[in-house]
PDB file of N, CA and C in Angstrom:
ATOM      1  N   MET A   1      -6.463  -6.850   9.123  1.00  0.00           N
ATOM      2  CA  MET A   1      -5.392  -7.759   8.798  1.00  0.00           C
ATOM      3  C   MET A   1      -4.984  -8.480  10.075  1.00  0.00           C
ATOM      4  N   ALA A   2      -5.362  -9.687  10.203  1.00  0.00           N
ATOM      5  CA  ALA A   2      -5.066 -10.437  11.412  1.00  0.00           C
ATOM      6  C   ALA A   2      -3.639 -10.972  11.389  1.00  0.00           C
ATOM      7  N   GLU A   3      -2.917 -10.668  12.441  1.00  0.00           N
ATOM      8  CA  GLU A   3      -1.607 -11.269  12.671  1.00  0.00           C
ATOM      9  C   GLU A   3      -0.571 -11.017  11.572  1.00  0.00           C
ATOM     10  N   THR A   4      -0.671  -9.929  10.850  1.00  0.00           N
ATOM     11  CA  THR A   4       0.336  -9.598   9.849  1.00  0.00           C
ATOM     12  C   THR A   4       1.158  -8.430  10.367  1.00  0.00           C
ATOM     13  N   ARG A   5       2.483  -8.595  10.366  1.00  0.00           N
ATOM     14  CA  ARG A   5       3.376  -7.529  10.798  1.00  0.00           C
ATOM     15  C   ARG A   5       3.960  -6.832   9.582  1.00  0.00           C
ATOM     16  N   ILE A   6       4.173  -5.535   9.720  1.00  0.00           N
ATOM     17  CA  ILE A   6       4.825  -4.734   8.686  1.00  0.00           C
ATOM     18  C   ILE A   6       6.209  -4.375   9.218  1.00  0.00           C
ATOM     19  N   VAL A   7       7.242  -4.681   8.444  1.00  0.00           N
ATOM     20  CA  VAL A   7       8.613  -4.402   8.845  1.00  0.00           C
ATOM     21  C   VAL A   7       9.236  -3.478   7.806  1.00  0.00           C
ATOM     22  N   LEU A   8       9.717  -2.319   8.250  1.00  0.00           N
ATOM     23  CA  LEU A   8      10.389  -1.379   7.352  1.00  0.00           C
ATOM     24  C   LEU A   8      11.881  -1.629   7.415  1.00  0.00           C
ATOM     25  N   ARG A   9      12.490  -1.770   6.243  1.00  0.00           N
ATOM     26  CA  ARG A   9      13.933  -1.976   6.138  1.00  0.00           C
ATOM     27  C   ARG A   9      14.466  -1.144   4.993  1.00  0.00           C
ATOM     28  N   ARG A  10      15.762  -1.072   4.934  1.00  0.00           N
ATOM     29  CA  ARG A  10      16.406  -0.401   3.797  1.00  0.00           C
ATOM     30  C   ARG A  10      16.166  -1.202   2.520  1.00  0.00           C
ATOM     31  N   SER A  11      16.235  -2.547   2.613  1.00  0.00           N
ATOM     32  CA  SER A  11      15.953  -3.388   1.450  1.00  0.00           C
ATOM     33  C   SER A  11      15.251  -4.658   1.913  1.00  0.00           C
ATOM     34  N   CYS A  12      14.730  -5.397   0.966  1.00  0.00           N
ATOM     35  CA  CYS A  12      14.053  -6.656   1.267  1.00  0.00           C
ATOM     36  C   CYS A  12      15.017  -7.829   1.265  1.00  0.00           C
ATOM     37  N   ARG A  13      16.282  -7.566   0.969  1.00  0.00           N
ATOM     38  CA  ARG A  13      17.273  -8.635   0.936  1.00  0.00           C
ATOM     39  C   ARG A  13      17.267  -9.379   2.266  1.00  0.00           C
ATOM     40  N   SER A  14      17.325 -10.662   2.192  1.00  0.00           N
ATOM     41  CA  SER A  14      17.319 -11.572   3.341  1.00  0.00           C
ATOM     42  C   SER A  14      16.094 -11.395   4.241  1.00  0.00           C
ATOM     43  N   ALA A  15      14.969 -11.058   3.617  1.00  0.00           N
ATOM     44  CA  ALA A  15      13.713 -10.967   4.362  1.00  0.00           C
ATOM     45  C   ALA A  15      13.205 -12.380   4.644  1.00  0.00           C
ATOM     46  N   PRO A  16      12.492 -12.563   5.738  1.00  0.00           N
ATOM     47  CA  PRO A  16      11.990 -13.903   6.053  1.00  0.00           C
ATOM     48  C   PRO A  16      10.946 -14.358   5.031  1.00  0.00           C
ATOM     49  N   ALA A  17      10.969 -15.640   4.710  1.00  0.00           N
ATOM     50  CA  ALA A  17       9.975 -16.204   3.793  1.00  0.00           C
ATOM     51  C   ALA A  17       8.768 -16.618   4.627  1.00  0.00           C
ATOM     52  N   ASP A  18       8.085 -15.637   5.165  1.00  0.00           N
ATOM     53  CA  ASP A  18       7.007 -15.853   6.117  1.00  0.00           C
ATOM     54  C   ASP A  18       5.816 -15.003   5.695  1.00  0.00           C
ATOM     55  N   ASP A  19       4.661 -15.650   5.469  1.00  0.00           N
ATOM     56  CA  ASP A  19       3.476 -14.919   5.021  1.00  0.00           C
ATOM     57  C   ASP A  19       2.895 -13.996   6.084  1.00  0.00           C
ATOM     58  N   SER A  20       3.317 -14.141   7.335  1.00  0.00           N
ATOM     59  CA  SER A  20       2.770 -13.285   8.385  1.00  0.00           C
ATOM     60  C   SER A  20       3.553 -11.975   8.515  1.00  0.00           C
ATOM     61  N   VAL A  21       4.577 -11.794   7.665  1.00  0.00           N
ATOM     62  CA  VAL A  21       5.401 -10.589   7.705  1.00  0.00           C
ATOM     63  C   VAL A  21       5.439  -9.965   6.309  1.00  0.00           C
ATOM     64  N   ILE A  22       5.145  -8.679   6.233  1.00  0.00           N
ATOM     65  CA  ILE A  22       5.317  -7.925   4.989  1.00  0.00           C
ATOM     66  C   ILE A  22       6.514  -7.015   5.218  1.00  0.00           C
ATOM     67  N   VAL A  23       7.558  -7.219   4.412  1.00  0.00           N
ATOM     68  CA  VAL A  23       8.772  -6.415   4.534  1.00  0.00           C
ATOM     69  C   VAL A  23       8.731  -5.336   3.458  1.00  0.00           C
ATOM     70  N   VAL A  24       8.981  -4.104   3.866  1.00  0.00           N
ATOM     71  CA  VAL A  24       8.998  -2.964   2.944  1.00  0.00           C
ATOM     72  C   VAL A  24      10.429  -2.491   2.827  1.00  0.00           C
ATOM     73  N   GLY A  25      10.983  -2.571   1.613  1.00  0.00           N
ATOM     74  CA  GLY A  25      12.325  -2.071   1.336  1.00  0.00           C
ATOM     75  C   GLY A  25      12.224  -0.641   0.859  1.00  0.00           C
ATOM     76  N   LEU A  26      12.600   0.288   1.709  1.00  0.00           N
ATOM     77  CA  LEU A  26      12.413   1.706   1.396  1.00  0.00           C
ATOM     78  C   LEU A  26      13.378   2.226   0.332  1.00  0.00           C
ATOM     79  N   ALA A  27      14.609   1.736   0.306  1.00  0.00           N
ATOM     80  CA  ALA A  27      15.604   2.260  -0.635  1.00  0.00           C
ATOM     81  C   ALA A  27      15.230   1.978  -2.087  1.00  0.00           C
ATOM     82  N   LEU A  28      14.708   0.789  -2.348  1.00  0.00           N
ATOM     83  CA  LEU A  28      14.388   0.398  -3.729  1.00  0.00           C
ATOM     84  C   LEU A  28      12.893   0.375  -4.011  1.00  0.00           C
ATOM     85  N   ALA A  29      12.076   0.850  -3.090  1.00  0.00           N
ATOM     86  CA  ALA A  29      10.614   0.855  -3.237  1.00  0.00           C
ATOM     87  C   ALA A  29      10.111  -0.531  -3.628  1.00  0.00           C
ATOM     88  N   GLU A  30      10.300  -1.464  -2.698  1.00  0.00           N
ATOM     89  CA  GLU A  30       9.879  -2.834  -2.937  1.00  0.00           C
ATOM     90  C   GLU A  30       9.196  -3.384  -1.696  1.00  0.00           C
ATOM     91  N   MET A  31       8.394  -4.414  -1.913  1.00  0.00           N
ATOM     92  CA  MET A  31       7.715  -5.087  -0.821  1.00  0.00           C
ATOM     93  C   MET A  31       7.861  -6.584  -1.009  1.00  0.00           C
ATOM     94  N   GLN A  32       7.907  -7.304   0.115  1.00  0.00           N
ATOM     95  CA  GLN A  32       8.005  -8.754   0.047  1.00  0.00           C
ATOM     96  C   GLN A  32       7.103  -9.369   1.110  1.00  0.00           C
ATOM     97  N   ARG A  33       6.432 -10.418   0.708  1.00  0.00           N
ATOM     98  CA  ARG A  33       5.648 -11.230   1.641  1.00  0.00           C
ATOM     99  C   ARG A  33       5.891 -12.668   1.252  1.00  0.00           C
ATOM    100  N   GLY A  34       6.369 -13.461   2.190  1.00  0.00           N
ATOM    101  CA  GLY A  34       6.727 -14.835   1.865  1.00  0.00           C
ATOM    102  C   GLY A  34       7.815 -14.811   0.799  1.00  0.00           C
ATOM    103  N   GLY A  35       7.676 -15.612  -0.243  1.00  0.00           N
ATOM    104  CA  GLY A  35       8.663 -15.656  -1.312  1.00  0.00           C
ATOM    105  C   GLY A  35       8.415 -14.669  -2.433  1.00  0.00           C
ATOM    106  N   ALA A  36       7.324 -13.916  -2.367  1.00  0.00           N
ATOM    107  CA  ALA A  36       6.992 -12.971  -3.440  1.00  0.00           C
ATOM    108  C   ALA A  36       7.540 -11.590  -3.129  1.00  0.00           C
ATOM    109  N   ARG A  37       8.205 -10.992  -4.116  1.00  0.00           N
ATOM    110  CA  ARG A  37       8.748  -9.644  -3.976  1.00  0.00           C
ATOM    111  C   ARG A  37       8.307  -8.826  -5.186  1.00  0.00           C
ATOM    112  N   VAL A  38       7.881  -7.596  -4.940  1.00  0.00           N
ATOM    113  CA  VAL A  38       7.472  -6.705  -6.022  1.00  0.00           C
ATOM    114  C   VAL A  38       8.136  -5.345  -5.849  1.00  0.00           C
ATOM    115  N   SER A  39       8.452  -4.736  -6.967  1.00  0.00           N
ATOM    116  CA  SER A  39       8.901  -3.337  -6.989  1.00  0.00           C
ATOM    117  C   SER A  39       7.707  -2.507  -7.424  1.00  0.00           C
ATOM    118  N   LEU A  40       7.595  -1.319  -6.884  1.00  0.00           N
ATOM    119  CA  LEU A  40       6.465  -0.480  -7.255  1.00  0.00           C
ATOM    120  C   LEU A  40       6.881   0.983  -7.219  1.00  0.00           C
ATOM    121  N   PRO A  41       6.160   1.828  -7.942  1.00  0.00           N
ATOM    122  CA  PRO A  41       6.480   3.257  -7.927  1.00  0.00           C
ATOM    123  C   PRO A  41       6.355   3.804  -6.495  1.00  0.00           C
ATOM    124  N   ARG A  42       7.185   4.775  -6.169  1.00  0.00           N
ATOM    125  CA  ARG A  42       7.168   5.323  -4.809  1.00  0.00           C
ATOM    126  C   ARG A  42       5.787   5.846  -4.371  1.00  0.00           C
ATOM    127  N   PRO A  43       5.025   6.513  -5.237  1.00  0.00           N
ATOM    128  CA  PRO A  43       3.689   6.922  -4.784  1.00  0.00           C
ATOM    129  C   PRO A  43       2.812   5.717  -4.392  1.00  0.00           C
ATOM    130  N   ALA A  44       2.916   4.626  -5.132  1.00  0.00           N
ATOM    131  CA  ALA A  44       2.143   3.429  -4.794  1.00  0.00           C
ATOM    132  C   ALA A  44       2.634   2.828  -3.481  1.00  0.00           C
ATOM    133  N   LEU A  45       3.940   2.874  -3.234  1.00  0.00           N
ATOM    134  CA  LEU A  45       4.485   2.390  -1.965  1.00  0.00           C
ATOM    135  C   LEU A  45       3.945   3.223  -0.806  1.00  0.00           C
ATOM    136  N   ARG A  46       3.908   4.538  -0.967  1.00  0.00           N
ATOM    137  CA  ARG A  46       3.369   5.409   0.084  1.00  0.00           C
ATOM    138  C   ARG A  46       1.896   5.104   0.342  1.00  0.00           C
ATOM    139  N   ALA A  47       1.135   4.856  -0.730  1.00  0.00           N
ATOM    140  CA  ALA A  47      -0.280   4.497  -0.574  1.00  0.00           C
ATOM    141  C   ALA A  47      -0.418   3.181   0.185  1.00  0.00           C
ATOM    142  N   MET A  48       0.399   2.187  -0.168  1.00  0.00           N
ATOM    143  CA  MET A  48       0.345   0.894   0.515  1.00  0.00           C
ATOM    144  C   MET A  48       0.667   1.046   2.001  1.00  0.00           C
ATOM    145  N   LEU A  49       1.663   1.843   2.327  1.00  0.00           N
ATOM    146  CA  LEU A  49       2.021   2.047   3.728  1.00  0.00           C
ATOM    147  C   LEU A  49       0.878   2.700   4.501  1.00  0.00           C
ATOM    148  N   ALA A  50       0.234   3.696   3.887  1.00  0.00           N
ATOM    149  CA  ALA A  50      -0.904   4.352   4.543  1.00  0.00           C
ATOM    150  C   ALA A  50      -2.039   3.361   4.774  1.00  0.00           C
ATOM    151  N   LEU A  51      -2.309   2.517   3.778  1.00  0.00           N
ATOM    152  CA  LEU A  51      -3.386   1.531   3.901  1.00  0.00           C
ATOM    153  C   LEU A  51      -3.050   0.459   4.931  1.00  0.00           C
ATOM    154  N   LEU A  52      -1.855  -0.065   4.882  1.00  0.00           N
ATOM    155  CA  LEU A  52      -1.466  -1.134   5.803  1.00  0.00           C
ATOM    156  C   LEU A  52      -1.385  -0.642   7.244  1.00  0.00           C
ATOM    157  N   ALA A  53      -1.062   0.630   7.427  1.00  0.00           N
ATOM    158  CA  ALA A  53      -0.992   1.193   8.776  1.00  0.00           C
ATOM    159  C   ALA A  53      -2.362   1.196   9.454  1.00  0.00           C
ATOM    160  N   ARG A  54      -3.434   1.192   8.683  1.00  0.00           N
ATOM    161  CA  ARG A  54      -4.791   1.183   9.239  1.00  0.00           C
ATOM    162  C   ARG A  54      -5.318  -0.213   9.533  1.00  0.00           C
ATOM    163  N   SER A  55      -4.585  -1.247   9.169  1.00  0.00           N
ATOM    164  CA  SER A  55      -4.987  -2.634   9.467  1.00  0.00           C
ATOM    165  C   SER A  55      -6.423  -2.940   9.051  1.00  0.00           C
ATOM    166  N   GLY A  56      -6.748  -2.617   7.827  1.00  0.00           N
ATOM    167  CA  GLY A  56      -8.087  -2.908   7.313  1.00  0.00           C
ATOM    168  C   GLY A  56      -9.084  -1.778   7.492  1.00  0.00           C
ATOM    169  N   GLY A  57      -8.679  -0.729   8.190  1.00  0.00           N
ATOM    170  CA  GLY A  57      -9.563   0.416   8.381  1.00  0.00           C
ATOM    171  C   GLY A  57      -9.602   1.302   7.144  1.00  0.00           C
ATOM    172  N   LEU A  58     -10.609   2.131   7.066  1.00  0.00           N
ATOM    173  CA  LEU A  58     -10.792   3.022   5.924  1.00  0.00           C
ATOM    174  C   LEU A  58      -9.734   4.125   5.916  1.00  0.00           C
ATOM    175  N   VAL A  59      -9.140   4.348   4.736  1.00  0.00           N
ATOM    176  CA  VAL A  59      -8.249   5.486   4.507  1.00  0.00           C
ATOM    177  C   VAL A  59      -8.929   6.327   3.444  1.00  0.00           C
ATOM    178  N   THR A  60      -9.247   7.578   3.782  1.00  0.00           N
ATOM    179  CA  THR A  60      -9.976   8.423   2.841  1.00  0.00           C
ATOM    180  C   THR A  60      -9.075   8.865   1.694  1.00  0.00           C
ATOM    181  N   ARG A  61      -9.703   9.315   0.623  1.00  0.00           N
ATOM    182  CA  ARG A  61      -8.949   9.830  -0.523  1.00  0.00           C
ATOM    183  C   ARG A  61      -8.096  11.019  -0.093  1.00  0.00           C
ATOM    184  N   ASP A  62      -8.648  11.891   0.741  1.00  0.00           N
ATOM    185  CA  ASP A  62      -7.887  13.044   1.234  1.00  0.00           C
ATOM    186  C   ASP A  62      -6.640  12.599   1.990  1.00  0.00           C
ATOM    187  N   GLU A  63      -6.785  11.585   2.845  1.00  0.00           N
ATOM    188  CA  GLU A  63      -5.647  11.090   3.616  1.00  0.00           C
ATOM    189  C   GLU A  63      -4.593  10.475   2.699  1.00  0.00           C
ATOM    190  N   LEU A  64      -5.040   9.790   1.650  1.00  0.00           N
ATOM    191  CA  LEU A  64      -4.086   9.211   0.704  1.00  0.00           C
ATOM    192  C   LEU A  64      -3.333  10.290  -0.061  1.00  0.00           C
ATOM    193  N   VAL A  65      -4.046  11.323  -0.491  1.00  0.00           N
ATOM    194  CA  VAL A  65      -3.380  12.430  -1.194  1.00  0.00           C
ATOM    195  C   VAL A  65      -2.301  13.024  -0.303  1.00  0.00           C
ATOM    196  N   GLU A  66      -2.620  13.224   0.966  1.00  0.00           N
ATOM    197  CA  GLU A  66      -1.637  13.784   1.888  1.00  0.00           C
ATOM    198  C   GLU A  66      -0.468  12.828   2.106  1.00  0.00           C
ATOM    199  N   ALA A  67      -0.753  11.533   2.247  1.00  0.00           N
ATOM    200  CA  ALA A  67       0.313  10.544   2.472  1.00  0.00           C
ATOM    201  C   ALA A  67       1.234  10.410   1.260  1.00  0.00           C
ATOM    202  N   ILE A  68       0.660  10.518   0.074  1.00  0.00           N
ATOM    203  CA  ILE A  68       1.439  10.317  -1.155  1.00  0.00           C
ATOM    204  C   ILE A  68       2.218  11.569  -1.542  1.00  0.00           C
ATOM    205  N   TRP A  69       1.538  12.709  -1.540  1.00  0.00           N
ATOM    206  CA  TRP A  69       2.155  13.933  -2.051  1.00  0.00           C
ATOM    207  C   TRP A  69       2.465  14.962  -0.978  1.00  0.00           C
ATOM    208  N   GLY A  70       2.066  14.694   0.272  1.00  0.00           N
ATOM    209  CA  GLY A  70       2.367  15.606   1.365  1.00  0.00           C
ATOM    210  C   GLY A  70       1.597  16.900   1.321  1.00  0.00           C
ATOM    211  N   GLU A  71       0.418  16.863   0.724  1.00  0.00           N
ATOM    212  CA  GLU A  71      -0.396  18.069   0.640  1.00  0.00           C
ATOM    213  C   GLU A  71      -1.739  17.806   1.296  1.00  0.00           C
ATOM    214  N   ARG A  72      -2.297  18.828   1.864  1.00  0.00           N
ATOM    215  CA  ARG A  72      -3.639  18.701   2.418  1.00  0.00           C
ATOM    216  C   ARG A  72      -4.648  18.872   1.293  1.00  0.00           C
ATOM    217  N   ALA A  73      -5.643  18.050   1.296  1.00  0.00           N
ATOM    218  CA  ALA A  73      -6.637  18.092   0.229  1.00  0.00           C
ATOM    219  C   ALA A  73      -7.621  19.244   0.395  1.00  0.00           C
ATOM    220  N   ASP A  74      -7.696  19.854   1.561  1.00  0.00           N
ATOM    221  CA  ASP A  74      -8.695  20.905   1.771  1.00  0.00           C
ATOM    222  C   ASP A  74      -8.401  22.169   0.980  1.00  0.00           C
ATOM    223  N   GLY A  75      -7.199  22.319   0.433  1.00  0.00           N
ATOM    224  CA  GLY A  75      -6.868  23.490  -0.359  1.00  0.00           C
ATOM    225  C   GLY A  75      -7.049  23.279  -1.843  1.00  0.00           C
ATOM    226  N   GLY A  76      -7.587  22.141  -2.256  1.00  0.00           N
ATOM    227  CA  GLY A  76      -7.817  21.885  -3.666  1.00  0.00           C
ATOM    228  C   GLY A  76      -6.986  20.795  -4.296  1.00  0.00           C
ATOM    229  N   PRO A  77      -5.894  20.320  -3.666  1.00  0.00           N
ATOM    230  CA  PRO A  77      -5.065  19.318  -4.328  1.00  0.00           C
ATOM    231  C   PRO A  77      -5.798  18.033  -4.695  1.00  0.00           C
ATOM    232  N   LEU A  78      -6.868  17.682  -3.934  1.00  0.00           N
ATOM    233  CA  LEU A  78      -7.577  16.449  -4.246  1.00  0.00           C
ATOM    234  C   LEU A  78      -8.174  16.518  -5.649  1.00  0.00           C
ATOM    235  N   THR A  79      -8.729  17.649  -6.016  1.00  0.00           N
ATOM    236  CA  THR A  79      -9.300  17.792  -7.353  1.00  0.00           C
ATOM    237  C   THR A  79      -8.215  17.616  -8.408  1.00  0.00           C
ATOM    238  N   ALA A  80      -7.077  18.254  -8.194  1.00  0.00           N
ATOM    239  CA  ALA A  80      -5.978  18.152  -9.143  1.00  0.00           C
ATOM    240  C   ALA A  80      -5.358  16.762  -9.126  1.00  0.00           C
ATOM    241  N   ALA A  81      -5.344  16.103  -7.963  1.00  0.00           N
ATOM    242  CA  ALA A  81      -4.686  14.809  -7.821  1.00  0.00           C
ATOM    243  C   ALA A  81      -5.633  13.635  -8.032  1.00  0.00           C
ATOM    244  N   GLY A  82      -6.928  13.896  -8.260  1.00  0.00           N
ATOM    245  CA  GLY A  82      -7.902  12.822  -8.379  1.00  0.00           C
ATOM    246  C   GLY A  82      -7.544  11.764  -9.406  1.00  0.00           C
ATOM    247  N   GLY A  83      -7.195  12.190 -10.618  1.00  0.00           N
ATOM    248  CA  GLY A  83      -6.811  11.239 -11.661  1.00  0.00           C
ATOM    249  C   GLY A  83      -5.499  10.560 -11.347  1.00  0.00           C
ATOM    250  N   ALA A  84      -4.569  11.311 -10.782  1.00  0.00           N
ATOM    251  CA  ALA A  84      -3.279  10.733 -10.411  1.00  0.00           C
ATOM    252  C   ALA A  84      -3.462   9.699  -9.303  1.00  0.00           C
ATOM    253  N   LEU A  85      -4.359   9.971  -8.357  1.00  0.00           N
ATOM    254  CA  LEU A  85      -4.612   9.021  -7.278  1.00  0.00           C
ATOM    255  C   LEU A  85      -5.156   7.710  -7.842  1.00  0.00           C
ATOM    256  N   ASN A  86      -6.026   7.799  -8.818  1.00  0.00           N
ATOM    257  CA  ASN A  86      -6.554   6.572  -9.438  1.00  0.00           C
ATOM    258  C   ASN A  86      -5.433   5.747 -10.059  1.00  0.00           C
ATOM    259  N   SER A  87      -4.489   6.387 -10.712  1.00  0.00           N
ATOM    260  CA  SER A  87      -3.353   5.676 -11.309  1.00  0.00           C
ATOM    261  C   SER A  87      -2.469   5.044 -10.243  1.00  0.00           C
ATOM    262  N   VAL A  88      -2.233   5.779  -9.165  1.00  0.00           N
ATOM    263  CA  VAL A  88      -1.426   5.252  -8.061  1.00  0.00           C
ATOM    264  C   VAL A  88      -2.115   4.018  -7.467  1.00  0.00           C
ATOM    265  N   MET A  89      -3.414   4.089  -7.295  1.00  0.00           N
ATOM    266  CA  MET A  89      -4.136   2.970  -6.693  1.00  0.00           C
ATOM    267  C   MET A  89      -4.143   1.752  -7.618  1.00  0.00           C
ATOM    268  N   GLU A  90      -4.145   1.951  -8.929  1.00  0.00           N
ATOM    269  CA  GLU A  90      -4.020   0.819  -9.861  1.00  0.00           C
ATOM    270  C   GLU A  90      -2.688   0.105  -9.644  1.00  0.00           C
ATOM    271  N   ALA A  91      -1.607   0.873  -9.508  1.00  0.00           N
ATOM    272  CA  ALA A  91      -0.285   0.280  -9.279  1.00  0.00           C
ATOM    273  C   ALA A  91      -0.229  -0.413  -7.921  1.00  0.00           C
ATOM    274  N   ALA A  92      -0.832   0.189  -6.907  1.00  0.00           N
ATOM    275  CA  ALA A  92      -0.851  -0.412  -5.572  1.00  0.00           C
ATOM    276  C   ALA A  92      -1.642  -1.717  -5.589  1.00  0.00           C
ATOM    277  N   ARG A  93      -2.765  -1.727  -6.291  1.00  0.00           N
ATOM    278  CA  ARG A  93      -3.568  -2.958  -6.386  1.00  0.00           C
ATOM    279  C   ARG A  93      -2.790  -4.075  -7.081  1.00  0.00           C
ATOM    280  N   ALA A  94      -2.092  -3.745  -8.152  1.00  0.00           N
ATOM    281  CA  ALA A  94      -1.315  -4.759  -8.881  1.00  0.00           C
ATOM    282  C   ALA A  94      -0.231  -5.344  -7.994  1.00  0.00           C
ATOM    283  N   ALA A  95       0.485  -4.486  -7.273  1.00  0.00           N
ATOM    284  CA  ALA A  95       1.533  -4.967  -6.367  1.00  0.00           C
ATOM    285  C   ALA A  95       0.913  -5.778  -5.236  1.00  0.00           C
ATOM    286  N   GLY A  96      -0.172  -5.287  -4.701  1.00  0.00           N
ATOM    287  CA  GLY A  96      -0.841  -5.981  -3.612  1.00  0.00           C
ATOM    288  C   GLY A  96      -1.324  -7.362  -4.005  1.00  0.00           C
ATOM    289  N   ALA A  97      -1.833  -7.493  -5.209  1.00  0.00           N
ATOM    290  CA  ALA A  97      -2.341  -8.791  -5.673  1.00  0.00           C
ATOM    291  C   ALA A  97      -1.238  -9.848  -5.651  1.00  0.00           C
ATOM    292  N   ALA A  98      -0.027  -9.463  -6.006  1.00  0.00           N
ATOM    293  CA  ALA A  98       1.094 -10.407  -6.014  1.00  0.00           C
ATOM    294  C   ALA A  98       1.507 -10.811  -4.600  1.00  0.00           C
ATOM    295  N   LEU A  99       1.126  -9.989  -3.615  1.00  0.00           N
ATOM    296  CA  LEU A  99       1.527 -10.242  -2.228  1.00  0.00           C
ATOM    297  C   LEU A  99       0.375 -10.752  -1.363  1.00  0.00           C
ATOM    298  N   GLY A 100      -0.784 -10.941  -1.967  1.00  0.00           N
ATOM    299  CA  GLY A 100      -1.929 -11.382  -1.174  1.00  0.00           C
ATOM    300  C   GLY A 100      -2.552 -10.266  -0.363  1.00  0.00           C
ATOM    301  N   ILE A 101      -2.458  -9.051  -0.867  1.00  0.00           N
ATOM    302  CA  ILE A 101      -3.079  -7.897  -0.220  1.00  0.00           C
ATOM    303  C   ILE A 101      -4.207  -7.423  -1.135  1.00  0.00           C
ATOM    304  N   VAL A 102      -5.408  -7.399  -0.618  1.00  0.00           N
ATOM    305  CA  VAL A 102      -6.569  -6.986  -1.398  1.00  0.00           C
ATOM    306  C   VAL A 102      -6.930  -5.558  -1.014  1.00  0.00           C
ATOM    307  N   ILE A 103      -6.978  -4.682  -1.999  1.00  0.00           N
ATOM    308  CA  ILE A 103      -7.368  -3.287  -1.775  1.00  0.00           C
ATOM    309  C   ILE A 103      -8.772  -3.114  -2.330  1.00  0.00           C
ATOM    310  N   THR A 104      -9.684  -2.683  -1.469  1.00  0.00           N
ATOM    311  CA  THR A 104     -11.060  -2.469  -1.887  1.00  0.00           C
ATOM    312  C   THR A 104     -11.386  -0.983  -1.843  1.00  0.00           C
ATOM    313  N   THR A 105     -12.332  -0.600  -2.672  1.00  0.00           N
ATOM    314  CA  THR A 105     -12.772   0.788  -2.754  1.00  0.00           C
ATOM    315  C   THR A 105     -14.121   0.934  -2.083  1.00  0.00           C
ATOM    316  N   GLU A 106     -14.274   1.971  -1.293  1.00  0.00           N
ATOM    317  CA  GLU A 106     -15.576   2.377  -0.792  1.00  0.00           C
ATOM    318  C   GLU A 106     -15.883   3.678  -1.527  1.00  0.00           C
ATOM    319  N   HIS A 107     -16.675   3.568  -2.570  1.00  0.00           N
ATOM    320  CA  HIS A 107     -16.908   4.702  -3.472  1.00  0.00           C
ATOM    321  C   HIS A 107     -17.343   5.955  -2.716  1.00  0.00           C
ATOM    322  N   GLY A 108     -16.657   7.037  -3.065  1.00  0.00           N
ATOM    323  CA  GLY A 108     -16.938   8.325  -2.456  1.00  0.00           C
ATOM    324  C   GLY A 108     -16.317   8.506  -1.082  1.00  0.00           C
ATOM    325  N   ARG A 109     -15.679   7.451  -0.554  1.00  0.00           N
ATOM    326  CA  ARG A 109     -15.102   7.536   0.789  1.00  0.00           C
ATOM    327  C   ARG A 109     -13.601   7.292   0.800  1.00  0.00           C
ATOM    328  N   GLY A 110     -13.149   6.147   0.278  1.00  0.00           N
ATOM    329  CA  GLY A 110     -11.729   5.841   0.329  1.00  0.00           C
ATOM    330  C   GLY A 110     -11.451   4.374   0.050  1.00  0.00           C
ATOM    331  N   TYR A 111     -10.399   3.851   0.686  1.00  0.00           N
ATOM    332  CA  TYR A 111      -9.911   2.494   0.393  1.00  0.00           C
ATOM    333  C   TYR A 111      -9.580   1.756   1.682  1.00  0.00           C
ATOM    334  N   ARG A 112      -9.573   0.424   1.576  1.00  0.00           N
ATOM    335  CA  ARG A 112      -9.145  -0.456   2.669  1.00  0.00           C
ATOM    336  C   ARG A 112      -8.203  -1.499   2.077  1.00  0.00           C
ATOM    337  N   ALA A 113      -7.271  -1.974   2.896  1.00  0.00           N
ATOM    338  CA  ALA A 113      -6.378  -3.061   2.481  1.00  0.00           C
ATOM    339  C   ALA A 113      -6.471  -4.187   3.512  1.00  0.00           C
ATOM    340  N   ARG A 114      -6.590  -5.411   2.999  1.00  0.00           N
ATOM    341  CA  ARG A 114      -6.634  -6.581   3.862  1.00  0.00           C
ATOM    342  C   ARG A 114      -5.733  -7.643   3.264  1.00  0.00           C
ATOM    343  N   THR A 115      -5.110  -8.435   4.129  1.00  0.00           N
ATOM    344  CA  THR A 115      -4.302  -9.530   3.629  1.00  0.00           C
ATOM    345  C   THR A 115      -5.154 -10.782   3.537  1.00  0.00           C
ATOM    346  N   ARG A 116      -4.775 -11.639   2.617  1.00  0.00           N
ATOM    347  CA  ARG A 116      -5.408 -12.945   2.497  1.00  0.00           C
ATOM    348  C   ARG A 116      -4.301 -13.969   2.369  1.00  0.00           C
ATOM    349  N   PRO A 117      -4.612 -15.211   2.688  1.00  0.00           N
ATOM    350  CA  PRO A 117      -3.561 -16.235   2.516  1.00  0.00           C
ATOM    351  C   PRO A 117      -3.105 -16.288   1.065  1.00  0.00           C
ATOM    352  N   ARG A 118      -1.817 -16.395   0.877  1.00  0.00           N
ATOM    353  CA  ARG A 118      -1.277 -16.464  -0.483  1.00  0.00           C
ATOM    354  C   ARG A 118      -1.285 -17.899  -0.954  1.00  0.00           C
ATOM    355  N   ALA A 119      -1.549 -18.092  -2.238  1.00  0.00           N
ATOM    356  CA  ALA A 119      -1.478 -19.433  -2.828  1.00  0.00           C
ATOM    357  C   ALA A 119      -0.013 -19.864  -2.913  1.00  0.00           C
ATOM    358  N   ALA A 120       0.237 -21.113  -2.646  1.00  0.00           N
ATOM    359  CA  ALA A 120       1.620 -21.609  -2.667  1.00  0.00           C
ATOM    360  C   ALA A 120       2.154 -21.718  -4.067  1.00  0.00           C
TER     361      ALA A 120
END
């Protein structure tokens, strides 16, 4: 993600209308980029934060399970959370699409998030 800043705030209220800044409102589980604002389930917000923190780098499924639910996958939670992770990633992709964030899958490995210019 070239030149995109992530800003954590309590809310997205009065966030800059700037495509180079993604504002994350932690209190209401919302994200804003430019004039677009989306609300998303907290697990999807945690997934987005983990992905955006890597700036386009790979985030493994195990790392996402830990970021979302706070559990290490080496004890078995990944198997139990596998279907839930897929649902979380669907919600993250939907929110990301509205903000110009593309989430791609590397099958058997994990996910990446990249920003693209948003249509006006």
